[in-house]
N, C-alpha and C. Protein backbone atom coordinates (compact mmCIF):
# COMPACT_ATOMS: atom_id res chain seq x y z
N UNK A 1 -34.43 19.81 18.67
CA UNK A 1 -34.14 18.41 18.37
C UNK A 1 -34.60 17.47 19.48
N UNK A 2 -35.60 17.86 20.24
CA UNK A 2 -36.12 17.01 21.32
C UNK A 2 -36.56 15.65 20.81
N UNK A 3 -37.22 15.65 19.65
CA UNK A 3 -37.74 14.39 19.11
C UNK A 3 -36.61 13.41 18.81
N UNK A 4 -35.44 13.89 18.45
CA UNK A 4 -34.31 13.02 18.16
C UNK A 4 -33.72 12.46 19.45
N UNK A 5 -33.52 13.31 20.45
CA UNK A 5 -32.93 12.87 21.72
C UNK A 5 -33.75 11.78 22.39
N UNK A 6 -35.05 11.78 22.18
CA UNK A 6 -35.88 10.77 22.83
C UNK A 6 -35.66 9.37 22.24
N UNK A 7 -34.88 9.26 21.19
CA UNK A 7 -34.59 7.96 20.57
C UNK A 7 -33.28 7.34 21.07
N UNK A 8 -32.50 8.06 21.84
CA UNK A 8 -31.17 7.61 22.25
C UNK A 8 -31.23 6.45 23.23
N UNK A 9 -30.41 5.44 22.96
CA UNK A 9 -30.21 4.32 23.88
C UNK A 9 -28.90 4.54 24.62
N UNK A 10 -28.85 4.15 25.91
CA UNK A 10 -27.67 4.38 26.73
C UNK A 10 -27.06 3.06 27.16
N UNK A 11 -25.75 2.92 26.96
CA UNK A 11 -25.04 1.70 27.37
C UNK A 11 -25.00 1.61 28.89
N UNK A 12 -25.44 0.46 29.43
CA UNK A 12 -25.37 0.20 30.87
C UNK A 12 -24.11 -0.58 31.19
N UNK A 13 -23.86 -1.62 30.40
CA UNK A 13 -22.61 -2.37 30.54
C UNK A 13 -22.25 -3.00 29.21
N UNK A 14 -21.02 -3.48 29.13
CA UNK A 14 -20.54 -4.07 27.88
C UNK A 14 -19.65 -5.25 28.20
N UNK A 15 -19.65 -6.23 27.29
CA UNK A 15 -18.81 -7.41 27.46
C UNK A 15 -18.22 -7.78 26.10
N UNK A 16 -16.92 -8.06 26.09
CA UNK A 16 -16.29 -8.52 24.86
C UNK A 16 -16.56 -10.01 24.72
N UNK A 17 -17.20 -10.41 23.63
CA UNK A 17 -17.56 -11.80 23.37
C UNK A 17 -16.47 -12.51 22.58
N UNK A 18 -15.84 -11.76 21.67
CA UNK A 18 -14.79 -12.32 20.81
C UNK A 18 -13.82 -11.22 20.45
N UNK A 19 -12.52 -11.54 20.49
CA UNK A 19 -11.49 -10.58 20.08
C UNK A 19 -10.68 -11.23 18.97
N UNK A 20 -10.73 -10.63 17.78
CA UNK A 20 -10.00 -11.15 16.63
C UNK A 20 -8.94 -10.19 16.15
N UNK A 21 -8.29 -10.56 15.05
CA UNK A 21 -7.26 -9.70 14.46
C UNK A 21 -7.87 -8.48 13.79
N UNK A 22 -9.04 -8.62 13.21
CA UNK A 22 -9.69 -7.53 12.50
C UNK A 22 -10.77 -6.85 13.33
N UNK A 23 -11.56 -7.62 14.03
CA UNK A 23 -12.71 -7.04 14.71
C UNK A 23 -12.97 -7.71 16.05
N UNK A 24 -13.76 -7.03 16.86
CA UNK A 24 -14.16 -7.54 18.17
C UNK A 24 -15.68 -7.55 18.23
N UNK A 25 -16.24 -8.60 18.82
CA UNK A 25 -17.68 -8.69 18.99
C UNK A 25 -18.02 -8.34 20.43
N UNK A 26 -19.00 -7.48 20.61
CA UNK A 26 -19.40 -7.00 21.93
C UNK A 26 -20.87 -7.34 22.17
N UNK A 27 -21.21 -7.55 23.43
CA UNK A 27 -22.60 -7.71 23.84
C UNK A 27 -22.84 -6.69 24.95
N UNK A 28 -23.73 -5.77 24.68
CA UNK A 28 -24.04 -4.69 25.63
C UNK A 28 -25.44 -4.84 26.18
N UNK A 29 -25.63 -4.28 27.36
CA UNK A 29 -26.97 -4.05 27.88
C UNK A 29 -27.21 -2.56 27.73
N UNK A 30 -28.34 -2.21 27.11
CA UNK A 30 -28.64 -0.81 26.86
C UNK A 30 -29.99 -0.44 27.48
N UNK A 31 -30.05 0.80 27.98
CA UNK A 31 -31.33 1.35 28.45
C UNK A 31 -32.00 2.00 27.24
N UNK A 32 -33.23 1.57 26.98
CA UNK A 32 -34.00 2.08 25.85
C UNK A 32 -34.70 3.39 26.22
N UNK A 33 -35.19 4.11 25.24
CA UNK A 33 -35.84 5.39 25.52
C UNK A 33 -37.02 5.31 26.48
N UNK A 34 -37.70 4.16 26.53
CA UNK A 34 -38.84 4.01 27.44
C UNK A 34 -38.44 3.54 28.84
N UNK A 35 -37.11 3.38 29.09
CA UNK A 35 -36.62 2.96 30.40
C UNK A 35 -36.36 1.46 30.52
N UNK A 36 -36.84 0.68 29.58
CA UNK A 36 -36.59 -0.76 29.63
C UNK A 36 -35.15 -1.04 29.17
N UNK A 37 -34.73 -2.30 29.30
CA UNK A 37 -33.37 -2.69 28.90
C UNK A 37 -33.43 -3.71 27.78
N UNK A 38 -32.38 -3.73 26.97
CA UNK A 38 -32.28 -4.68 25.86
C UNK A 38 -30.81 -5.04 25.64
N UNK A 39 -30.60 -6.18 25.00
CA UNK A 39 -29.25 -6.62 24.64
C UNK A 39 -28.94 -6.13 23.24
N UNK A 40 -27.73 -5.62 23.06
CA UNK A 40 -27.26 -5.17 21.76
C UNK A 40 -25.95 -5.86 21.46
N UNK A 41 -25.90 -6.66 20.39
CA UNK A 41 -24.66 -7.31 19.95
C UNK A 41 -24.15 -6.54 18.74
N UNK A 42 -22.85 -6.23 18.77
CA UNK A 42 -22.31 -5.43 17.69
C UNK A 42 -20.83 -5.68 17.52
N UNK A 43 -20.32 -5.27 16.36
CA UNK A 43 -18.92 -5.47 16.00
C UNK A 43 -18.16 -4.16 16.14
N UNK A 44 -17.08 -4.19 16.90
CA UNK A 44 -16.16 -3.05 17.02
C UNK A 44 -15.14 -3.19 15.90
N UNK A 45 -15.05 -2.18 15.05
CA UNK A 45 -14.19 -2.24 13.87
C UNK A 45 -13.25 -1.03 13.87
N UNK A 46 -12.01 -1.17 13.42
CA UNK A 46 -11.07 -0.04 13.45
C UNK A 46 -11.34 1.05 12.41
N UNK A 47 -12.24 0.81 11.47
CA UNK A 47 -12.48 1.76 10.39
C UNK A 47 -11.62 1.43 9.18
N UNK A 48 -11.92 2.06 8.07
CA UNK A 48 -11.22 1.75 6.82
C UNK A 48 -11.18 2.97 5.92
N UNK A 49 -10.36 2.86 4.89
CA UNK A 49 -10.27 3.88 3.86
C UNK A 49 -10.36 3.20 2.50
N UNK A 50 -11.08 3.83 1.58
CA UNK A 50 -11.16 3.37 0.19
C UNK A 50 -10.70 4.52 -0.71
N UNK A 51 -10.01 4.17 -1.80
CA UNK A 51 -9.48 5.18 -2.71
C UNK A 51 -9.82 4.83 -4.15
N UNK A 52 -10.26 5.84 -4.88
CA UNK A 52 -10.50 5.68 -6.31
C UNK A 52 -9.37 6.42 -7.03
N UNK A 53 -8.40 5.69 -7.60
CA UNK A 53 -7.30 6.32 -8.32
C UNK A 53 -7.70 6.58 -9.78
N UNK A 54 -7.55 7.84 -10.20
CA UNK A 54 -7.98 8.25 -11.54
C UNK A 54 -6.78 8.66 -12.39
N UNK A 55 -6.63 8.00 -13.54
CA UNK A 55 -5.58 8.35 -14.50
C UNK A 55 -6.04 9.53 -15.36
N UNK A 56 -5.09 10.18 -16.02
CA UNK A 56 -5.40 11.35 -16.87
C UNK A 56 -6.35 11.04 -18.01
N UNK A 57 -6.36 9.81 -18.49
CA UNK A 57 -7.25 9.45 -19.59
C UNK A 57 -8.66 9.08 -19.11
N UNK A 58 -8.91 9.15 -17.79
CA UNK A 58 -10.22 8.83 -17.25
C UNK A 58 -10.37 7.40 -16.77
N UNK A 59 -9.33 6.59 -16.89
CA UNK A 59 -9.37 5.23 -16.32
C UNK A 59 -9.20 5.29 -14.81
N UNK A 60 -9.74 4.29 -14.14
CA UNK A 60 -9.50 4.09 -12.72
C UNK A 60 -8.97 2.68 -12.51
N UNK A 61 -8.48 2.41 -11.31
CA UNK A 61 -8.03 1.06 -10.96
C UNK A 61 -9.08 0.43 -10.06
N UNK A 62 -9.54 -0.75 -10.46
CA UNK A 62 -10.40 -1.58 -9.63
C UNK A 62 -9.68 -2.90 -9.40
N UNK A 63 -10.23 -3.72 -8.52
CA UNK A 63 -9.61 -4.99 -8.16
C UNK A 63 -10.59 -6.14 -8.32
N UNK A 64 -10.10 -7.27 -8.77
CA UNK A 64 -10.84 -8.53 -8.63
C UNK A 64 -10.32 -9.18 -7.37
N UNK A 65 -11.22 -9.54 -6.45
CA UNK A 65 -10.78 -10.15 -5.21
C UNK A 65 -11.83 -11.16 -4.73
N UNK A 66 -11.35 -12.35 -4.35
CA UNK A 66 -12.23 -13.38 -3.78
C UNK A 66 -12.53 -13.01 -2.34
N UNK A 67 -13.81 -13.07 -1.96
CA UNK A 67 -14.22 -12.81 -0.58
C UNK A 67 -14.80 -14.08 0.02
N UNK A 68 -14.11 -14.57 1.02
CA UNK A 68 -14.42 -15.86 1.62
C UNK A 68 -15.87 -15.97 2.14
N UNK A 69 -16.37 -15.00 2.93
CA UNK A 69 -17.74 -15.17 3.45
C UNK A 69 -18.80 -15.34 2.37
N UNK A 70 -18.67 -14.63 1.25
CA UNK A 70 -19.66 -14.72 0.17
C UNK A 70 -19.29 -15.78 -0.86
N UNK A 71 -18.08 -16.33 -0.77
CA UNK A 71 -17.59 -17.38 -1.65
C UNK A 71 -17.65 -16.99 -3.13
N UNK A 72 -17.22 -15.77 -3.42
CA UNK A 72 -17.18 -15.35 -4.81
C UNK A 72 -16.16 -14.23 -5.02
N UNK A 73 -15.86 -13.99 -6.28
CA UNK A 73 -14.95 -12.92 -6.66
C UNK A 73 -15.77 -11.66 -6.89
N UNK A 74 -15.30 -10.55 -6.31
CA UNK A 74 -15.97 -9.27 -6.44
C UNK A 74 -15.07 -8.28 -7.18
N UNK A 75 -15.69 -7.26 -7.76
CA UNK A 75 -14.97 -6.11 -8.28
C UNK A 75 -15.04 -5.06 -7.18
N UNK A 76 -13.86 -4.56 -6.77
CA UNK A 76 -13.79 -3.62 -5.64
C UNK A 76 -12.84 -2.47 -5.92
N UNK A 77 -13.00 -1.41 -5.13
CA UNK A 77 -12.03 -0.32 -5.12
C UNK A 77 -10.91 -0.70 -4.15
N UNK A 78 -9.70 -0.16 -4.33
CA UNK A 78 -8.64 -0.40 -3.35
C UNK A 78 -9.08 0.15 -1.99
N UNK A 79 -8.93 -0.66 -0.95
CA UNK A 79 -9.37 -0.26 0.38
C UNK A 79 -8.69 -1.12 1.43
N UNK A 80 -8.68 -0.61 2.66
CA UNK A 80 -8.12 -1.38 3.75
C UNK A 80 -8.41 -0.74 5.09
N UNK A 81 -8.19 -1.52 6.13
CA UNK A 81 -8.49 -1.05 7.49
C UNK A 81 -7.42 -0.09 8.00
N UNK A 82 -7.85 0.78 8.89
CA UNK A 82 -6.93 1.70 9.54
C UNK A 82 -6.11 0.94 10.57
N UNK A 83 -4.82 1.15 10.59
CA UNK A 83 -3.98 0.63 11.66
C UNK A 83 -4.13 1.53 12.87
N UNK A 84 -3.86 1.04 14.09
CA UNK A 84 -4.03 1.87 15.29
C UNK A 84 -3.28 3.21 15.18
N UNK A 85 -4.01 4.29 15.43
CA UNK A 85 -3.43 5.62 15.41
C UNK A 85 -3.15 6.19 14.03
N UNK A 86 -3.53 5.46 12.98
CA UNK A 86 -3.22 5.88 11.61
C UNK A 86 -4.32 6.79 11.07
N UNK A 87 -3.93 7.86 10.42
CA UNK A 87 -4.89 8.77 9.78
C UNK A 87 -5.47 8.10 8.53
N UNK A 88 -6.75 8.35 8.22
CA UNK A 88 -7.37 7.72 7.06
C UNK A 88 -6.63 7.95 5.75
N UNK A 89 -6.05 9.15 5.54
CA UNK A 89 -5.35 9.40 4.28
C UNK A 89 -4.07 8.59 4.17
N UNK A 90 -3.43 8.30 5.30
CA UNK A 90 -2.23 7.46 5.31
C UNK A 90 -2.61 6.03 4.92
N UNK A 91 -3.72 5.56 5.47
CA UNK A 91 -4.23 4.24 5.10
C UNK A 91 -4.51 4.19 3.60
N UNK A 92 -5.12 5.24 3.08
CA UNK A 92 -5.43 5.30 1.66
C UNK A 92 -4.19 5.22 0.79
N UNK A 93 -3.16 5.97 1.14
CA UNK A 93 -1.90 5.94 0.38
C UNK A 93 -1.27 4.55 0.44
N UNK A 94 -1.30 3.93 1.62
CA UNK A 94 -0.73 2.59 1.78
C UNK A 94 -1.48 1.57 0.93
N UNK A 95 -2.80 1.58 1.01
CA UNK A 95 -3.61 0.60 0.27
C UNK A 95 -3.51 0.82 -1.23
N UNK A 96 -3.43 2.06 -1.65
CA UNK A 96 -3.26 2.37 -3.06
C UNK A 96 -1.98 1.74 -3.59
N UNK A 97 -0.90 1.88 -2.84
CA UNK A 97 0.39 1.30 -3.24
C UNK A 97 0.35 -0.23 -3.17
N UNK A 98 -0.15 -0.77 -2.06
CA UNK A 98 -0.14 -2.23 -1.87
C UNK A 98 -1.04 -2.95 -2.86
N UNK A 99 -2.27 -2.47 -3.02
CA UNK A 99 -3.25 -3.21 -3.81
C UNK A 99 -3.28 -2.83 -5.29
N UNK A 100 -3.13 -1.55 -5.58
CA UNK A 100 -3.24 -1.09 -6.97
C UNK A 100 -1.89 -0.88 -7.63
N UNK A 101 -0.82 -0.86 -6.83
CA UNK A 101 0.50 -0.60 -7.40
C UNK A 101 0.61 0.82 -7.93
N UNK A 102 0.07 1.77 -7.17
CA UNK A 102 0.01 3.16 -7.61
C UNK A 102 0.35 4.08 -6.44
N UNK A 103 1.07 5.15 -6.73
CA UNK A 103 1.24 6.26 -5.79
C UNK A 103 0.66 7.50 -6.45
N UNK A 104 0.27 8.47 -5.63
CA UNK A 104 -0.38 9.66 -6.17
C UNK A 104 0.28 10.93 -5.64
N UNK A 105 0.17 11.99 -6.43
CA UNK A 105 0.62 13.31 -5.97
C UNK A 105 -0.53 14.07 -5.33
N UNK A 106 -1.77 13.73 -5.71
CA UNK A 106 -2.93 14.42 -5.17
C UNK A 106 -3.96 13.42 -4.67
N UNK A 107 -4.54 13.72 -3.51
CA UNK A 107 -5.60 12.88 -2.95
C UNK A 107 -6.56 13.80 -2.21
N UNK A 108 -7.85 13.62 -2.46
CA UNK A 108 -8.86 14.48 -1.86
C UNK A 108 -9.93 13.65 -1.16
N UNK A 109 -10.29 14.05 0.05
CA UNK A 109 -11.35 13.41 0.82
C UNK A 109 -12.69 13.78 0.21
N UNK A 110 -13.54 12.79 -0.05
CA UNK A 110 -14.85 13.07 -0.64
C UNK A 110 -16.02 12.61 0.22
N UNK A 111 -15.75 12.09 1.40
CA UNK A 111 -16.83 11.71 2.30
C UNK A 111 -16.56 10.42 3.04
N UNK A 112 -17.55 9.98 3.77
CA UNK A 112 -17.47 8.72 4.51
C UNK A 112 -18.87 8.13 4.63
N UNK A 113 -18.93 6.88 5.05
CA UNK A 113 -20.22 6.24 5.28
C UNK A 113 -20.03 5.09 6.26
N UNK A 114 -21.14 4.64 6.84
CA UNK A 114 -21.18 3.51 7.77
C UNK A 114 -21.84 2.34 7.06
N UNK A 115 -21.10 1.28 6.71
CA UNK A 115 -21.67 0.21 5.90
C UNK A 115 -22.61 -0.75 6.62
N UNK A 116 -22.57 -0.82 7.94
CA UNK A 116 -23.41 -1.80 8.65
C UNK A 116 -23.92 -1.27 9.96
N UNK A 117 -24.72 -0.20 9.95
CA UNK A 117 -25.10 0.50 11.19
C UNK A 117 -25.91 -0.35 12.17
N UNK A 118 -26.49 -1.42 11.72
CA UNK A 118 -27.27 -2.27 12.61
C UNK A 118 -26.43 -3.24 13.43
N UNK A 119 -25.16 -3.43 13.03
CA UNK A 119 -24.35 -4.42 13.73
C UNK A 119 -22.88 -4.04 13.87
N UNK A 120 -22.47 -2.84 13.39
CA UNK A 120 -21.05 -2.48 13.46
C UNK A 120 -20.87 -0.97 13.56
N UNK A 121 -19.74 -0.56 14.16
CA UNK A 121 -19.41 0.87 14.21
C UNK A 121 -18.42 1.25 13.10
N UNK A 122 -18.18 0.35 12.14
CA UNK A 122 -17.23 0.63 11.07
C UNK A 122 -17.62 1.88 10.28
N UNK A 123 -16.62 2.71 9.99
CA UNK A 123 -16.78 3.86 9.11
C UNK A 123 -15.73 3.72 8.01
N UNK A 124 -16.12 4.01 6.77
CA UNK A 124 -15.19 3.95 5.64
C UNK A 124 -15.03 5.36 5.09
N UNK A 125 -13.79 5.83 5.03
CA UNK A 125 -13.44 7.14 4.51
C UNK A 125 -13.13 6.98 3.02
N UNK A 126 -13.62 7.91 2.19
CA UNK A 126 -13.47 7.80 0.74
C UNK A 126 -12.57 8.92 0.22
N UNK A 127 -11.62 8.54 -0.62
CA UNK A 127 -10.70 9.50 -1.25
C UNK A 127 -10.66 9.26 -2.75
N UNK A 128 -10.38 10.33 -3.48
CA UNK A 128 -10.07 10.26 -4.90
C UNK A 128 -8.60 10.64 -5.03
N UNK A 129 -7.87 9.90 -5.86
CA UNK A 129 -6.44 10.17 -6.06
C UNK A 129 -6.18 10.40 -7.54
N UNK A 130 -5.23 11.30 -7.85
CA UNK A 130 -4.85 11.55 -9.24
C UNK A 130 -3.40 11.99 -9.29
N UNK A 131 -2.92 12.23 -10.51
CA UNK A 131 -1.49 12.41 -10.75
C UNK A 131 -0.76 11.17 -10.24
N UNK A 132 -1.07 10.07 -10.90
CA UNK A 132 -0.64 8.74 -10.47
C UNK A 132 0.66 8.31 -11.14
N UNK A 133 1.42 7.51 -10.42
CA UNK A 133 2.60 6.83 -10.95
C UNK A 133 2.49 5.37 -10.53
N UNK A 134 2.83 4.48 -11.45
CA UNK A 134 2.76 3.05 -11.14
C UNK A 134 4.04 2.57 -10.48
N UNK A 135 3.85 1.66 -9.52
CA UNK A 135 4.94 1.01 -8.80
C UNK A 135 4.59 -0.47 -8.68
N UNK A 136 5.54 -1.34 -8.33
CA UNK A 136 5.17 -2.74 -8.11
C UNK A 136 4.21 -2.85 -6.92
N UNK A 137 3.10 -3.57 -7.11
CA UNK A 137 2.19 -3.75 -5.98
C UNK A 137 2.83 -4.69 -4.96
N UNK A 138 2.46 -4.52 -3.71
CA UNK A 138 3.07 -5.25 -2.61
C UNK A 138 1.99 -5.65 -1.61
N UNK A 139 1.13 -6.58 -2.01
CA UNK A 139 0.01 -6.97 -1.17
C UNK A 139 0.47 -7.74 0.06
N UNK A 140 -0.40 -7.78 1.06
CA UNK A 140 -0.14 -8.60 2.25
C UNK A 140 -0.01 -10.05 1.82
N UNK A 141 0.75 -10.85 2.59
CA UNK A 141 1.03 -12.23 2.17
C UNK A 141 -0.21 -13.11 2.09
N UNK A 142 -1.29 -12.76 2.80
CA UNK A 142 -2.51 -13.57 2.74
C UNK A 142 -3.59 -12.90 1.87
N UNK A 143 -3.18 -11.96 1.03
CA UNK A 143 -4.12 -11.20 0.20
C UNK A 143 -3.81 -11.46 -1.28
N UNK A 144 -4.81 -11.97 -1.99
CA UNK A 144 -4.66 -12.27 -3.40
C UNK A 144 -5.70 -11.47 -4.17
N UNK A 145 -5.24 -10.63 -5.06
CA UNK A 145 -6.15 -9.79 -5.84
C UNK A 145 -5.50 -9.41 -7.15
N UNK A 146 -6.32 -9.02 -8.11
CA UNK A 146 -5.82 -8.62 -9.42
C UNK A 146 -6.34 -7.22 -9.74
N UNK A 147 -5.45 -6.22 -9.80
CA UNK A 147 -5.88 -4.89 -10.21
C UNK A 147 -6.08 -4.83 -11.73
N UNK A 148 -7.00 -3.99 -12.17
CA UNK A 148 -7.21 -3.77 -13.60
C UNK A 148 -7.73 -2.35 -13.81
N UNK A 149 -7.52 -1.86 -15.02
CA UNK A 149 -7.97 -0.51 -15.36
C UNK A 149 -9.26 -0.59 -16.17
N UNK A 150 -10.12 0.38 -15.90
CA UNK A 150 -11.39 0.50 -16.61
C UNK A 150 -11.75 1.99 -16.59
N UNK A 151 -12.54 2.44 -17.56
CA UNK A 151 -12.92 3.85 -17.55
C UNK A 151 -13.79 4.13 -16.33
N UNK A 152 -13.63 5.32 -15.76
CA UNK A 152 -14.42 5.74 -14.60
C UNK A 152 -15.91 5.60 -14.94
N UNK A 153 -16.30 6.07 -16.11
CA UNK A 153 -17.71 6.00 -16.53
C UNK A 153 -18.20 4.56 -16.59
N UNK A 154 -17.39 3.64 -17.13
CA UNK A 154 -17.79 2.24 -17.20
C UNK A 154 -17.98 1.67 -15.79
N UNK A 155 -17.09 2.00 -14.86
CA UNK A 155 -17.20 1.52 -13.48
C UNK A 155 -18.49 2.01 -12.84
N UNK A 156 -18.84 3.28 -13.07
CA UNK A 156 -20.09 3.81 -12.52
C UNK A 156 -21.28 3.08 -13.15
N UNK A 157 -21.23 2.83 -14.45
CA UNK A 157 -22.30 2.06 -15.10
C UNK A 157 -22.43 0.68 -14.47
N UNK A 158 -21.29 0.03 -14.19
CA UNK A 158 -21.32 -1.29 -13.54
C UNK A 158 -21.94 -1.21 -12.15
N UNK A 159 -21.65 -0.13 -11.43
CA UNK A 159 -22.24 0.05 -10.10
C UNK A 159 -23.75 0.17 -10.19
N UNK A 160 -24.22 0.79 -11.25
CA UNK A 160 -25.66 1.01 -11.42
C UNK A 160 -26.39 -0.19 -12.01
N UNK A 161 -25.70 -0.98 -12.87
CA UNK A 161 -26.40 -2.10 -13.52
C UNK A 161 -26.26 -3.43 -12.77
N UNK A 162 -25.51 -3.44 -11.66
CA UNK A 162 -25.39 -4.66 -10.86
C UNK A 162 -24.17 -5.50 -11.15
N UNK A 163 -23.38 -5.12 -12.15
CA UNK A 163 -22.13 -5.85 -12.41
C UNK A 163 -21.23 -5.79 -11.18
N UNK A 164 -21.17 -4.61 -10.56
CA UNK A 164 -20.49 -4.46 -9.27
C UNK A 164 -21.55 -4.58 -8.20
N UNK A 165 -21.36 -5.55 -7.28
CA UNK A 165 -22.37 -5.79 -6.24
C UNK A 165 -21.85 -5.55 -4.83
N UNK A 166 -20.60 -5.14 -4.69
CA UNK A 166 -20.04 -4.80 -3.38
C UNK A 166 -20.53 -3.41 -2.99
N UNK A 167 -21.25 -3.32 -1.86
CA UNK A 167 -21.82 -2.06 -1.43
C UNK A 167 -20.79 -0.97 -1.22
N UNK A 168 -19.66 -1.31 -0.66
CA UNK A 168 -18.58 -0.34 -0.44
C UNK A 168 -18.15 0.28 -1.77
N UNK A 169 -17.94 -0.56 -2.76
CA UNK A 169 -17.48 -0.08 -4.05
C UNK A 169 -18.54 0.77 -4.74
N UNK A 170 -19.79 0.37 -4.66
CA UNK A 170 -20.86 1.15 -5.27
C UNK A 170 -20.91 2.56 -4.67
N UNK A 171 -20.93 2.63 -3.36
CA UNK A 171 -21.00 3.94 -2.70
C UNK A 171 -19.78 4.78 -3.02
N UNK A 172 -18.60 4.18 -2.94
CA UNK A 172 -17.36 4.92 -3.21
C UNK A 172 -17.33 5.45 -4.64
N UNK A 173 -17.69 4.62 -5.60
CA UNK A 173 -17.69 5.06 -6.99
C UNK A 173 -18.66 6.22 -7.22
N UNK A 174 -19.86 6.12 -6.66
CA UNK A 174 -20.84 7.17 -6.89
C UNK A 174 -20.45 8.48 -6.20
N UNK A 175 -19.93 8.40 -4.97
CA UNK A 175 -19.47 9.61 -4.28
C UNK A 175 -18.29 10.23 -5.01
N UNK A 176 -17.35 9.39 -5.44
CA UNK A 176 -16.17 9.90 -6.14
C UNK A 176 -16.54 10.49 -7.49
N UNK A 177 -17.43 9.83 -8.23
CA UNK A 177 -17.87 10.33 -9.53
C UNK A 177 -18.54 11.70 -9.38
N UNK A 178 -19.38 11.84 -8.36
CA UNK A 178 -20.05 13.11 -8.11
C UNK A 178 -19.01 14.20 -7.81
N UNK A 179 -18.06 13.91 -6.92
CA UNK A 179 -17.02 14.90 -6.59
C UNK A 179 -16.21 15.24 -7.83
N UNK A 180 -15.81 14.21 -8.57
CA UNK A 180 -14.95 14.41 -9.75
C UNK A 180 -15.65 15.29 -10.78
N UNK A 181 -16.92 15.01 -11.03
CA UNK A 181 -17.65 15.77 -12.05
C UNK A 181 -17.84 17.24 -11.66
N UNK A 182 -17.83 17.53 -10.38
CA UNK A 182 -17.99 18.92 -9.92
C UNK A 182 -16.65 19.65 -9.83
N UNK A 183 -15.54 18.92 -9.67
CA UNK A 183 -14.24 19.55 -9.45
C UNK A 183 -13.30 19.42 -10.62
N UNK A 184 -13.44 18.36 -11.40
CA UNK A 184 -12.63 18.12 -12.60
C UNK A 184 -11.16 18.50 -12.47
N UNK A 185 -10.39 17.82 -11.60
CA UNK A 185 -8.95 18.14 -11.52
C UNK A 185 -8.28 18.07 -12.88
N UNK A 186 -8.73 17.18 -13.72
CA UNK A 186 -8.47 17.21 -15.17
C UNK A 186 -9.66 16.54 -15.83
N UNK A 187 -9.93 16.87 -17.02
CA UNK A 187 -11.15 16.42 -17.70
C UNK A 187 -11.18 14.90 -17.84
N UNK A 188 -12.32 14.27 -17.46
CA UNK A 188 -12.48 12.82 -17.61
C UNK A 188 -12.93 12.52 -19.02
């Protein structure tokens, strides 16, 4: 793997430019593979978990949620950031209850991905949940969203035809659909 190692950049120093409630912005000086130096600005993120809850009839829960930076309503999977020291599956269970109003008896890890590798260290962990029971949703006081049920197949079709345009949701649906179709905890 010599050819890969020759691409590594090394942090020389780092400076926090902004510290927020969700993320921190950093400006680093890095040594490049050729020995020169460059500035790298990036976002430090705590990570997140997304969950696709699947009912016995093959429906899943998605959310309508307004996203301020894009100024529009998106269709999304239930998801949220990891609290300090919190395991990704605990975050998933919490977000499932808060956003979708659902608890599960079974939850399986199906992978992870980095949504913005050019500017952030965020990683999103993906879970599929089943054997669901509904409870009253309990969203954060500054979070407004509407959960709704749709067939898993319809959601995947929306991810492919552009109806769903949130990258997180597209990746999570496709990874979860692939896992589900190979494992079939119960027939979709």
